[in-house]
């Protein structure tokens, strides 16, 4: 996904509205656009590198991560 200056300017009022406080930086706008894209494509989780992967503390094997996450889920959730 590429966020252009125009994209950021277009969504910035919505970003400010969702933060519920005045903000001066446009940095949250690309994440807002990514979140919108994720929702529209029915994904549930995204590891962005903005703290989302820090709990792993190292590069990871995606397949191993999924296996670990499945083991941690309650049976009812795992069957969905």
N, C-alpha and C. Protein backbone atom coordinates (compact mmCIF):
# COMPACT_ATOMS: atom_id res chain seq x y z
N UNK A 1 0.83 -1.17 0.00
CA UNK A 1 0.00 0.00 0.00
C UNK A 1 0.89 1.24 0.00
N UNK A 2 0.56 2.20 -0.81
CA UNK A 2 1.29 3.45 -0.86
C UNK A 2 0.33 4.58 -0.51
N UNK A 3 0.72 5.41 0.44
CA UNK A 3 -0.08 6.57 0.83
C UNK A 3 0.56 7.82 0.26
N UNK A 4 -0.14 8.50 -0.62
CA UNK A 4 0.38 9.72 -1.22
C UNK A 4 0.06 10.92 -0.33
N UNK A 5 0.66 12.05 -0.64
CA UNK A 5 0.36 13.28 0.09
C UNK A 5 -1.14 13.59 -0.01
N UNK A 6 -1.70 13.37 -1.18
CA UNK A 6 -3.14 13.61 -1.38
C UNK A 6 -3.99 12.69 -0.52
N UNK A 7 -3.60 11.42 -0.43
CA UNK A 7 -4.33 10.47 0.42
C UNK A 7 -4.32 10.91 1.88
N UNK A 8 -3.14 11.32 2.33
CA UNK A 8 -2.99 11.75 3.72
C UNK A 8 -3.84 12.99 4.00
N UNK A 9 -3.80 13.94 3.09
CA UNK A 9 -4.62 15.15 3.25
C UNK A 9 -6.10 14.86 3.23
N UNK A 10 -6.51 13.91 2.41
CA UNK A 10 -7.93 13.56 2.29
C UNK A 10 -8.46 12.93 3.58
N UNK A 11 -7.67 12.05 4.21
CA UNK A 11 -8.17 11.34 5.40
C UNK A 11 -7.82 12.04 6.71
N UNK A 12 -6.97 13.06 6.68
CA UNK A 12 -6.52 13.68 7.92
C UNK A 12 -7.67 14.19 8.79
N UNK A 13 -8.70 14.82 8.25
CA UNK A 13 -9.83 15.23 9.12
C UNK A 13 -10.47 14.02 9.84
N UNK A 14 -10.58 12.89 9.16
CA UNK A 14 -11.12 11.70 9.80
C UNK A 14 -10.19 11.18 10.89
N UNK A 15 -8.89 11.24 10.64
CA UNK A 15 -7.91 10.80 11.63
C UNK A 15 -8.03 11.65 12.89
N UNK A 16 -8.12 12.96 12.72
CA UNK A 16 -8.27 13.87 13.87
C UNK A 16 -9.56 13.54 14.62
N UNK A 17 -10.63 13.31 13.90
CA UNK A 17 -11.91 12.99 14.53
C UNK A 17 -11.79 11.71 15.36
N UNK A 18 -11.14 10.68 14.82
CA UNK A 18 -11.02 9.41 15.52
C UNK A 18 -10.07 9.47 16.71
N UNK A 19 -9.07 10.35 16.68
CA UNK A 19 -8.15 10.45 17.82
C UNK A 19 -8.82 11.18 18.98
N UNK A 20 -9.84 11.94 18.71
CA UNK A 20 -10.62 12.68 19.72
C UNK A 20 -9.81 13.75 20.44
N UNK A 21 -8.63 14.05 19.94
CA UNK A 21 -7.83 15.15 20.48
C UNK A 21 -7.15 15.83 19.30
N UNK A 22 -6.84 17.11 19.43
CA UNK A 22 -6.12 17.78 18.34
C UNK A 22 -4.74 17.15 18.14
N UNK A 23 -4.37 16.90 16.91
CA UNK A 23 -3.02 16.39 16.62
C UNK A 23 -2.41 17.28 15.55
N UNK A 24 -1.11 17.39 15.57
CA UNK A 24 -0.41 18.24 14.61
C UNK A 24 0.37 17.43 13.59
N UNK A 25 0.60 16.14 13.87
CA UNK A 25 1.38 15.30 12.97
C UNK A 25 0.45 14.53 12.05
N UNK A 26 0.91 14.26 10.85
CA UNK A 26 0.12 13.47 9.90
C UNK A 26 0.52 11.99 9.94
N UNK A 27 1.46 11.62 10.80
CA UNK A 27 1.96 10.24 10.85
C UNK A 27 0.85 9.20 11.05
N UNK A 28 -0.21 9.46 11.81
CA UNK A 28 -1.26 8.45 11.97
C UNK A 28 -2.10 8.21 10.70
N UNK A 29 -2.03 9.10 9.74
CA UNK A 29 -2.88 8.98 8.54
C UNK A 29 -2.57 7.72 7.72
N UNK A 30 -1.31 7.39 7.44
CA UNK A 30 -1.05 6.15 6.70
C UNK A 30 -1.54 4.90 7.45
N UNK A 31 -1.41 4.89 8.78
CA UNK A 31 -1.91 3.75 9.55
C UNK A 31 -3.43 3.68 9.46
N UNK A 32 -4.07 4.82 9.44
CA UNK A 32 -5.52 4.88 9.27
C UNK A 32 -5.91 4.28 7.91
N UNK A 33 -5.17 4.65 6.87
CA UNK A 33 -5.45 4.10 5.54
C UNK A 33 -5.20 2.60 5.50
N UNK A 34 -4.13 2.14 6.15
CA UNK A 34 -3.86 0.71 6.20
C UNK A 34 -4.98 -0.02 6.95
N UNK A 35 -5.42 0.54 8.06
CA UNK A 35 -6.50 -0.08 8.84
C UNK A 35 -7.77 -0.19 8.02
N UNK A 36 -8.06 0.83 7.25
CA UNK A 36 -9.24 0.81 6.38
C UNK A 36 -9.11 -0.30 5.33
N UNK A 37 -7.94 -0.41 4.72
CA UNK A 37 -7.70 -1.45 3.72
C UNK A 37 -7.83 -2.84 4.34
N UNK A 38 -7.27 -3.01 5.53
CA UNK A 38 -7.33 -4.30 6.22
C UNK A 38 -8.79 -4.68 6.49
N UNK A 39 -9.55 -3.74 6.97
CA UNK A 39 -10.97 -4.02 7.26
C UNK A 39 -11.73 -4.37 5.98
N UNK A 40 -11.48 -3.64 4.92
CA UNK A 40 -12.19 -3.88 3.66
C UNK A 40 -11.85 -5.24 3.04
N UNK A 41 -10.67 -5.78 3.36
CA UNK A 41 -10.26 -7.07 2.80
C UNK A 41 -10.46 -8.22 3.78
N UNK A 42 -11.17 -7.94 4.89
CA UNK A 42 -11.56 -8.95 5.88
C UNK A 42 -10.39 -9.62 6.62
N UNK A 43 -9.26 -8.94 6.72
CA UNK A 43 -8.19 -9.44 7.56
C UNK A 43 -8.50 -9.06 9.00
N UNK A 44 -7.94 -9.77 9.94
CA UNK A 44 -8.20 -9.50 11.36
C UNK A 44 -6.97 -8.99 12.10
N UNK A 45 -5.77 -9.33 11.63
CA UNK A 45 -4.54 -8.96 12.33
C UNK A 45 -3.51 -8.51 11.30
N UNK A 46 -2.78 -7.46 11.64
CA UNK A 46 -1.69 -6.99 10.79
C UNK A 46 -0.49 -6.70 11.68
N UNK A 47 0.66 -7.25 11.33
CA UNK A 47 1.90 -6.91 12.01
C UNK A 47 2.58 -5.83 11.18
N UNK A 48 2.62 -4.62 11.72
CA UNK A 48 3.08 -3.48 10.94
C UNK A 48 4.53 -3.09 11.19
N UNK A 49 5.10 -3.54 12.28
CA UNK A 49 6.43 -3.08 12.65
C UNK A 49 6.39 -1.87 13.55
N UNK A 50 5.22 -1.37 13.83
CA UNK A 50 5.06 -0.24 14.75
C UNK A 50 4.68 -0.77 16.13
N UNK A 51 5.50 -1.67 16.63
CA UNK A 51 5.23 -2.25 17.94
C UNK A 51 4.53 -3.58 17.87
N UNK A 52 3.92 -3.90 16.75
CA UNK A 52 3.15 -5.13 16.64
C UNK A 52 4.03 -6.37 16.70
N UNK A 53 5.28 -6.25 16.34
CA UNK A 53 6.16 -7.42 16.34
C UNK A 53 7.13 -7.43 17.52
N UNK A 54 7.08 -6.43 18.36
CA UNK A 54 8.05 -6.34 19.44
C UNK A 54 7.89 -7.44 20.48
N UNK A 55 6.72 -7.99 20.63
CA UNK A 55 6.54 -9.05 21.61
C UNK A 55 7.32 -10.30 21.20
N UNK A 56 7.69 -10.39 19.95
CA UNK A 56 8.45 -11.54 19.48
C UNK A 56 9.94 -11.36 19.72
N UNK A 57 10.40 -10.13 19.75
CA UNK A 57 11.78 -9.77 20.06
C UNK A 57 12.81 -10.34 19.10
N UNK A 58 12.39 -10.80 17.96
CA UNK A 58 13.34 -11.33 16.97
C UNK A 58 12.60 -11.58 15.66
N UNK A 59 13.31 -11.76 14.58
CA UNK A 59 12.63 -12.18 13.35
C UNK A 59 11.91 -13.50 13.60
N UNK A 60 10.81 -13.71 12.92
CA UNK A 60 10.03 -14.90 13.22
C UNK A 60 9.62 -15.66 11.98
N UNK A 61 9.31 -16.90 12.20
CA UNK A 61 8.79 -17.79 11.17
C UNK A 61 7.26 -17.71 11.25
N UNK A 62 6.63 -17.21 10.21
CA UNK A 62 5.19 -17.00 10.21
C UNK A 62 4.43 -18.28 10.51
N UNK A 63 4.83 -19.38 9.92
CA UNK A 63 4.15 -20.66 10.15
C UNK A 63 4.23 -21.06 11.61
N UNK A 64 5.40 -20.90 12.21
CA UNK A 64 5.55 -21.23 13.63
C UNK A 64 4.71 -20.30 14.49
N UNK A 65 4.64 -19.03 14.14
CA UNK A 65 3.82 -18.08 14.88
C UNK A 65 2.35 -18.50 14.85
N UNK A 66 1.84 -18.88 13.69
CA UNK A 66 0.45 -19.31 13.58
C UNK A 66 0.19 -20.56 14.41
N UNK A 67 1.12 -21.51 14.39
CA UNK A 67 0.96 -22.73 15.20
C UNK A 67 0.91 -22.38 16.68
N UNK A 68 1.78 -21.48 17.11
CA UNK A 68 1.80 -21.07 18.51
C UNK A 68 0.50 -20.37 18.89
N UNK A 69 0.03 -19.49 18.03
CA UNK A 69 -1.22 -18.77 18.32
C UNK A 69 -2.40 -19.73 18.40
N UNK A 70 -2.44 -20.73 17.53
CA UNK A 70 -3.52 -21.71 17.57
C UNK A 70 -3.50 -22.51 18.86
N UNK A 71 -2.31 -22.85 19.34
CA UNK A 71 -2.20 -23.59 20.60
C UNK A 71 -2.70 -22.77 21.77
N UNK A 72 -2.56 -21.46 21.69
CA UNK A 72 -2.96 -20.58 22.79
C UNK A 72 -4.45 -20.28 22.80
N UNK A 73 -5.15 -20.53 21.70
CA UNK A 73 -6.57 -20.20 21.61
C UNK A 73 -7.43 -21.23 22.33
N UNK A 74 -8.51 -20.78 22.95
CA UNK A 74 -9.46 -21.74 23.51
C UNK A 74 -10.07 -22.57 22.38
N UNK A 75 -10.49 -23.80 22.65
CA UNK A 75 -11.04 -24.66 21.59
C UNK A 75 -12.18 -24.02 20.79
N UNK A 76 -13.07 -23.30 21.44
CA UNK A 76 -14.21 -22.70 20.73
C UNK A 76 -13.73 -21.67 19.71
N UNK A 77 -12.72 -20.89 20.06
CA UNK A 77 -12.19 -19.88 19.15
C UNK A 77 -11.41 -20.53 18.03
N UNK A 78 -10.65 -21.57 18.35
CA UNK A 78 -9.83 -22.25 17.36
C UNK A 78 -10.67 -22.89 16.25
N UNK A 79 -11.89 -23.26 16.54
CA UNK A 79 -12.72 -23.94 15.53
C UNK A 79 -13.43 -22.99 14.60
N UNK A 80 -13.34 -21.70 14.85
CA UNK A 80 -14.03 -20.70 14.01
C UNK A 80 -13.33 -20.58 12.68
